[in-house]
Amino acid sequence: MLLGEPVDTVGNVPSTVAYSARHGLACVANTGSRPGVQCFEAKPCGALKARGPLMPLPVANQTAPVTGPANTVSDILFNPSESALFVVLKGDGVADGQVYAYRVEDGEVVAGEPVVSRLPGVPVAFGTAFTSDASAVVSSPGFGGAFVDVSPDLAVTVASAVAVEGQAAICWAAYSEALGSVYLLDGGSPAVTALDVAGKSIGRTLAGYEAGMGSFDAVVAGNMLYALQAAPAIAIFDLEKPGDAPSVVDLAHLGERASWTGMAYYQAAQGY
């Protein structure tokens, strides 16, 4: 059911969205020929009200619809404390990826000059998973994943890179605080690679759903990892039983998989 009315994201290809419950903010990153970030006040009733101007992003010579995946916006997310908003850019496949960071003050994303960081050795920065305000993992189909440090002034630096042997297209990442692991999802392989956060190394590999033909966006909820497959299905991993094969929800009855591009998890309100 649609809540409220659709609003203009100001850009022409909205590709990723982040929500802050603390501030009641929803921020959309546009790629394409009018790239930038637009934030909105998101009220419980569903009404969206623009907060601040479109904050441009340096995605040059793009089209609408986009060509890619290189030279597009990758991810937008708030850090765990929701004190800052981060936008990850892939780079053009040759130049390194970038991170644009904006402070959030008094419930407003500061639209002035962002803190811009290059990610040396990460030419296609794709998914991002924060492990704390001071650290995160950036996934890349070029090699696997990079542990990055985030300073108090929001500068991002690469701490170490972890190459995943045999990876085909690692693009997405999801974090389990309870297990101290970041899970790397491979769009060209069913296997899921778990990175040990403390050791900054590969912890284990989870055997995936072979017929799923690869994992795309994913979320961790409790001890479960839900991974959208290349096929119309969701593979569900019990992270406390890493040796078990995932259970599968077949979504073929919903239509073609090609139009599905992301996943989110919302816990139902108590009593519903």
Protein backbone atom coordinates (compact mmCIF):
# COMPACT_ATOMS: atom_id res chain seq x y z
CA MET A 1 0.00 0.00 0.00
CA LEU A 2 1.38 3.38 -1.00
CA LEU A 3 1.83 5.79 1.91
CA GLY A 4 1.63 9.42 0.92
CA GLU A 5 2.55 10.55 -2.59
CA PRO A 6 5.67 9.91 -4.67
CA VAL A 7 8.25 12.71 -4.58
CA ASP A 8 10.89 13.85 -7.01
CA THR A 9 14.41 12.70 -6.10
CA VAL A 10 15.69 15.63 -8.23
CA GLY A 11 18.08 13.31 -10.06
CA ASN A 12 16.89 11.06 -12.88
CA VAL A 13 18.14 7.60 -11.85
CA PRO A 14 17.61 6.98 -8.11
CA SER A 15 19.63 3.86 -7.31
CA THR A 16 20.07 3.46 -3.54
CA VAL A 17 18.45 4.76 -0.36
CA ALA A 18 19.42 5.03 3.33
CA TYR A 19 17.13 5.64 6.29
CA SER A 20 17.94 7.05 9.71
CA ALA A 21 15.35 6.24 12.38
CA ARG A 22 17.22 8.48 14.82
CA HIS A 23 16.79 11.55 12.64
CA GLY A 24 13.70 10.59 10.63
CA LEU A 25 15.67 11.06 7.42
CA ALA A 26 15.62 9.17 4.14
CA CYS A 27 18.42 9.97 1.71
CA VAL A 28 18.44 8.88 -1.94
CA ALA A 29 21.52 8.68 -4.14
CA ASN A 30 20.93 9.33 -7.84
CA THR A 31 23.30 8.14 -10.52
CA GLY A 32 22.83 8.77 -14.24
CA SER A 33 23.11 12.16 -15.93
CA ARG A 34 21.97 14.16 -12.84
CA PRO A 35 23.92 12.45 -10.06
CA GLY A 36 23.56 13.56 -6.46
CA VAL A 37 22.10 12.94 -3.02
CA GLN A 38 18.70 14.25 -1.97
CA CYS A 39 17.47 13.88 1.62
CA PHE A 40 13.90 13.92 2.89
CA GLU A 41 12.13 14.21 6.19
CA ALA A 42 10.38 10.85 6.53
CA LYS A 43 7.39 11.00 8.84
CA PRO A 44 5.51 7.93 10.12
CA CYS A 45 2.45 8.87 8.06
CA GLY A 46 4.44 8.37 4.88
CA ALA A 47 4.77 12.00 3.80
CA LEU A 48 8.19 12.96 2.44
CA LYS A 49 9.49 16.52 2.58
CA ALA A 50 12.74 17.57 0.96
CA ARG A 51 15.45 18.59 3.43
CA GLY A 52 18.18 20.64 1.84
CA PRO A 53 19.30 20.82 -1.79
CA LEU A 54 20.55 18.10 -4.12
CA MET A 55 24.18 17.42 -3.18
CA PRO A 56 26.05 16.71 -6.46
CA LEU A 57 28.21 13.64 -6.95
CA PRO A 58 31.11 13.38 -9.44
CA VAL A 59 29.66 10.79 -11.81
CA ALA A 60 30.73 12.13 -15.19
CA ASN A 61 29.45 11.34 -18.69
CA GLN A 62 26.65 9.05 -17.57
CA THR A 63 23.33 8.41 -19.26
CA ALA A 64 19.75 7.75 -18.23
CA PRO A 65 19.27 4.81 -18.10
CA VAL A 66 22.80 4.23 -16.92
CA THR A 67 25.62 2.25 -18.45
CA GLY A 68 27.78 0.42 -15.97
CA PRO A 69 28.39 -0.94 -13.50
CA ALA A 70 31.57 1.16 -13.53
CA ASN A 71 31.22 4.95 -13.11
CA THR A 72 28.03 4.74 -11.06
CA VAL A 73 26.95 5.29 -7.46
CA SER A 74 27.33 2.13 -5.41
CA ASP A 75 25.90 2.54 -1.95
CA ILE A 76 24.50 5.05 0.50
CA LEU A 77 24.31 4.39 4.23
CA PHE A 78 24.44 5.99 7.64
CA ASN A 79 27.16 4.93 10.08
CA PRO A 80 25.98 2.95 13.16
CA SER A 81 25.58 6.06 15.35
CA GLU A 82 23.76 7.81 12.46
CA SER A 83 26.01 10.81 12.96
CA ALA A 84 27.18 10.79 9.33
CA LEU A 85 26.01 9.78 5.88
CA PHE A 86 28.36 7.96 3.50
CA VAL A 87 28.10 7.55 -0.27
CA VAL A 88 30.35 5.07 -2.10
CA LEU A 89 31.24 5.54 -5.78
CA LYS A 90 32.61 2.75 -7.94
CA GLY A 91 35.10 4.65 -10.02
CA ASP A 92 35.37 4.15 -13.76
CA GLY A 93 37.09 0.75 -13.60
CA VAL A 94 40.55 2.31 -13.79
CA ALA A 95 40.51 5.10 -11.21
CA ASP A 96 40.00 4.05 -7.59
CA GLY A 97 36.62 4.20 -5.90
CA GLN A 98 35.65 7.14 -3.69
CA VAL A 99 33.70 7.79 -0.52
CA TYR A 100 31.75 11.03 0.09
CA ALA A 101 30.94 11.61 3.77
CA TYR A 102 28.52 14.19 5.19
CA ARG A 103 27.97 15.06 8.83
CA VAL A 104 24.47 14.93 10.29
CA GLU A 105 23.81 17.75 12.76
CA ASP A 106 20.51 18.58 14.47
CA GLY A 107 18.71 16.10 12.26
CA GLU A 108 20.04 17.67 9.07
CA VAL A 109 22.59 16.34 6.60
CA VAL A 110 25.21 19.07 6.26
CA ALA A 111 25.13 19.93 2.58
CA GLY A 112 28.40 21.83 2.49
CA GLU A 113 31.69 20.40 1.32
CA PRO A 114 31.73 16.64 2.01
CA VAL A 115 34.80 14.79 3.19
CA VAL A 116 36.08 13.00 0.08
CA SER A 117 38.33 9.94 0.30
CA ARG A 118 39.96 7.83 -2.41
CA LEU A 119 40.28 4.07 -1.85
CA PRO A 120 43.69 3.05 -3.26
CA GLY A 121 43.64 -0.43 -4.73
CA VAL A 122 39.83 -0.58 -4.81
CA PRO A 123 38.99 0.36 -8.41
CA VAL A 124 35.34 -0.76 -8.26
CA ALA A 125 34.08 -0.02 -4.75
CA PHE A 126 30.70 -1.73 -4.56
CA GLY A 127 28.95 -2.77 -1.31
CA THR A 128 29.72 -1.44 2.16
CA ALA A 129 29.11 -2.79 5.65
CA PHE A 130 29.99 -0.77 8.75
CA THR A 131 31.32 -2.78 11.70
CA SER A 132 31.55 0.33 13.91
CA ASP A 133 31.71 4.09 13.42
CA ALA A 134 35.46 3.69 13.00
CA SER A 135 35.60 0.74 10.61
CA ALA A 136 33.87 -0.88 7.66
CA VAL A 137 34.34 -3.37 4.85
CA VAL A 138 34.06 -2.32 1.21
CA SER A 139 33.46 -5.17 -1.23
CA SER A 140 34.81 -5.17 -4.78
CA PRO A 141 34.42 -7.53 -7.75
CA GLY A 142 38.08 -6.85 -8.48
CA PHE A 143 39.38 -9.02 -5.65
CA GLY A 144 37.05 -9.48 -2.65
CA GLY A 145 36.90 -7.03 0.24
CA ALA A 146 38.87 -4.22 1.85
CA PHE A 147 38.85 -3.32 5.54
CA VAL A 148 38.77 0.46 5.88
CA ASP A 149 39.26 2.81 8.82
CA VAL A 150 37.04 5.86 9.37
CA SER A 151 38.58 8.73 11.31
CA PRO A 152 36.62 11.10 13.57
CA ASP A 153 36.80 13.71 10.79
CA LEU A 154 35.14 11.14 8.43
CA ALA A 155 38.20 10.46 6.29
CA VAL A 156 38.27 6.86 5.01
CA THR A 157 41.53 4.95 4.51
CA VAL A 158 42.21 1.40 3.36
CA ALA A 159 43.64 -0.69 6.19
CA SER A 160 44.02 -4.04 4.41
CA ALA A 161 42.67 -5.95 1.45
CA VAL A 162 41.48 -9.54 1.47
CA ALA A 163 41.59 -11.42 -1.84
CA VAL A 164 39.03 -14.19 -2.25
CA GLU A 165 40.43 -16.94 -4.43
CA GLY A 166 38.13 -17.96 -7.25
CA GLN A 167 35.65 -15.13 -6.72
CA ALA A 168 33.68 -14.15 -9.81
CA ALA A 169 31.85 -10.93 -8.89
CA ILE A 170 31.84 -10.12 -5.18
CA CYS A 171 29.66 -7.03 -5.00
CA TRP A 172 27.63 -6.93 -1.77
CA ALA A 173 28.42 -7.14 1.93
CA ALA A 174 26.42 -7.70 5.12
CA TYR A 175 27.57 -7.58 8.76
CA SER A 176 26.66 -9.77 11.72
CA GLU A 177 27.66 -8.05 14.96
CA ALA A 178 26.80 -11.15 16.99
CA LEU A 179 29.19 -13.33 15.02
CA GLY A 180 31.82 -10.69 14.29
CA SER A 181 31.72 -11.44 10.58
CA VAL A 182 31.14 -9.59 7.34
CA TYR A 183 29.62 -11.74 4.60
CA LEU A 184 30.67 -11.14 1.00
CA LEU A 185 28.09 -12.02 -1.64
CA ASP A 186 29.23 -13.15 -5.10
CA GLY A 187 26.98 -12.44 -8.07
CA GLY A 188 28.73 -15.15 -10.10
CA SER A 189 29.11 -17.89 -7.49
CA PRO A 190 26.78 -19.47 -4.92
CA ALA A 191 29.50 -19.46 -2.23
CA VAL A 192 29.37 -16.80 0.52
CA THR A 193 32.68 -15.71 2.07
CA ALA A 194 32.73 -14.79 5.75
CA LEU A 195 35.41 -12.30 6.81
CA ASP A 196 36.50 -12.39 10.44
CA VAL A 197 36.42 -8.78 11.61
CA ALA A 198 38.85 -9.23 14.50
CA GLY A 199 41.46 -11.01 12.41
CA LYS A 200 40.78 -9.07 9.19
CA SER A 201 40.93 -12.34 7.29
CA ILE A 202 38.73 -14.99 5.72
CA GLY A 203 36.97 -16.93 8.46
CA ARG A 204 35.03 -19.53 6.48
CA THR A 205 33.12 -20.11 3.27
CA LEU A 206 29.44 -20.98 3.26
CA ALA A 207 28.27 -23.34 0.54
CA GLY A 208 25.38 -21.62 -1.22
CA TYR A 209 22.37 -22.52 -3.30
CA GLU A 210 23.75 -23.89 -6.58
CA ALA A 211 20.57 -23.34 -8.58
CA GLY A 212 20.52 -19.71 -7.42
CA MET A 213 23.45 -18.94 -9.75
CA GLY A 214 24.96 -16.36 -7.39
CA SER A 215 24.01 -14.06 -4.54
CA PHE A 216 23.15 -10.38 -4.82
CA ASP A 217 21.95 -7.97 -2.16
CA ALA A 218 21.57 -9.46 1.34
CA VAL A 219 20.58 -8.62 4.89
CA VAL A 220 21.40 -10.13 8.28
CA ALA A 221 18.55 -10.47 10.77
CA GLY A 222 19.37 -12.23 14.03
CA ASN A 223 21.39 -15.31 13.17
CA MET A 224 20.00 -15.52 9.63
CA LEU A 225 21.43 -14.22 6.36
CA TYR A 226 18.87 -13.59 3.61
CA ALA A 227 20.46 -13.40 0.15
CA LEU A 228 18.65 -12.46 -3.07
CA GLN A 229 19.71 -14.91 -5.77
CA ALA A 230 20.42 -14.42 -9.47
CA ALA A 231 17.50 -16.79 -9.95
CA PRO A 232 14.07 -15.74 -8.59
CA ALA A 233 14.72 -16.98 -5.06
CA ILE A 234 16.04 -16.04 -1.64
CA ALA A 235 18.63 -18.27 0.02
CA ILE A 236 18.43 -18.26 3.82
CA PHE A 237 21.59 -19.16 5.73
CA ASP A 238 21.59 -20.08 9.44
CA LEU A 239 24.86 -18.42 10.44
CA GLU A 240 25.11 -20.49 13.60
CA LYS A 241 25.11 -23.64 11.45
CA PRO A 242 27.64 -22.76 8.74
CA GLY A 243 27.90 -26.34 7.54
CA ASP A 244 24.22 -26.58 6.65
CA ALA A 245 22.90 -25.85 3.18
CA PRO A 246 20.68 -22.78 3.01
CA SER A 247 16.93 -23.09 2.90
CA VAL A 248 15.31 -21.52 -0.15
CA VAL A 249 12.23 -19.41 -0.79
CA ASP A 250 11.21 -19.85 -4.44
CA LEU A 251 9.95 -16.55 -5.85
CA ALA A 252 9.30 -17.69 -9.42
CA HIS A 253 5.56 -17.03 -9.01
CA LEU A 254 6.34 -13.32 -8.59
CA GLY A 255 7.69 -13.02 -12.13
CA GLU A 256 11.04 -12.41 -13.78
CA ARG A 257 14.04 -11.88 -11.51
CA ALA A 258 15.62 -9.20 -13.73
CA SER A 259 13.59 -6.34 -12.25
CA TRP A 260 14.54 -7.03 -8.61
CA THR A 261 17.51 -5.01 -7.48
CA GLY A 262 17.68 -4.93 -3.68
CA MET A 263 16.61 -6.26 -0.31
CA ALA A 264 15.62 -4.77 3.03
CA TYR A 265 14.51 -6.20 6.36
CA TYR A 266 11.78 -4.74 8.54
CA GLN A 267 10.72 -6.28 11.82
CA ALA A 268 6.95 -6.40 12.23
CA ALA A 269 5.53 -4.30 15.05
CA GLN A 270 4.61 -6.25 18.15
CA GLY A 271 1.04 -7.48 18.00
CA TYR A 272 0.89 -7.74 14.20
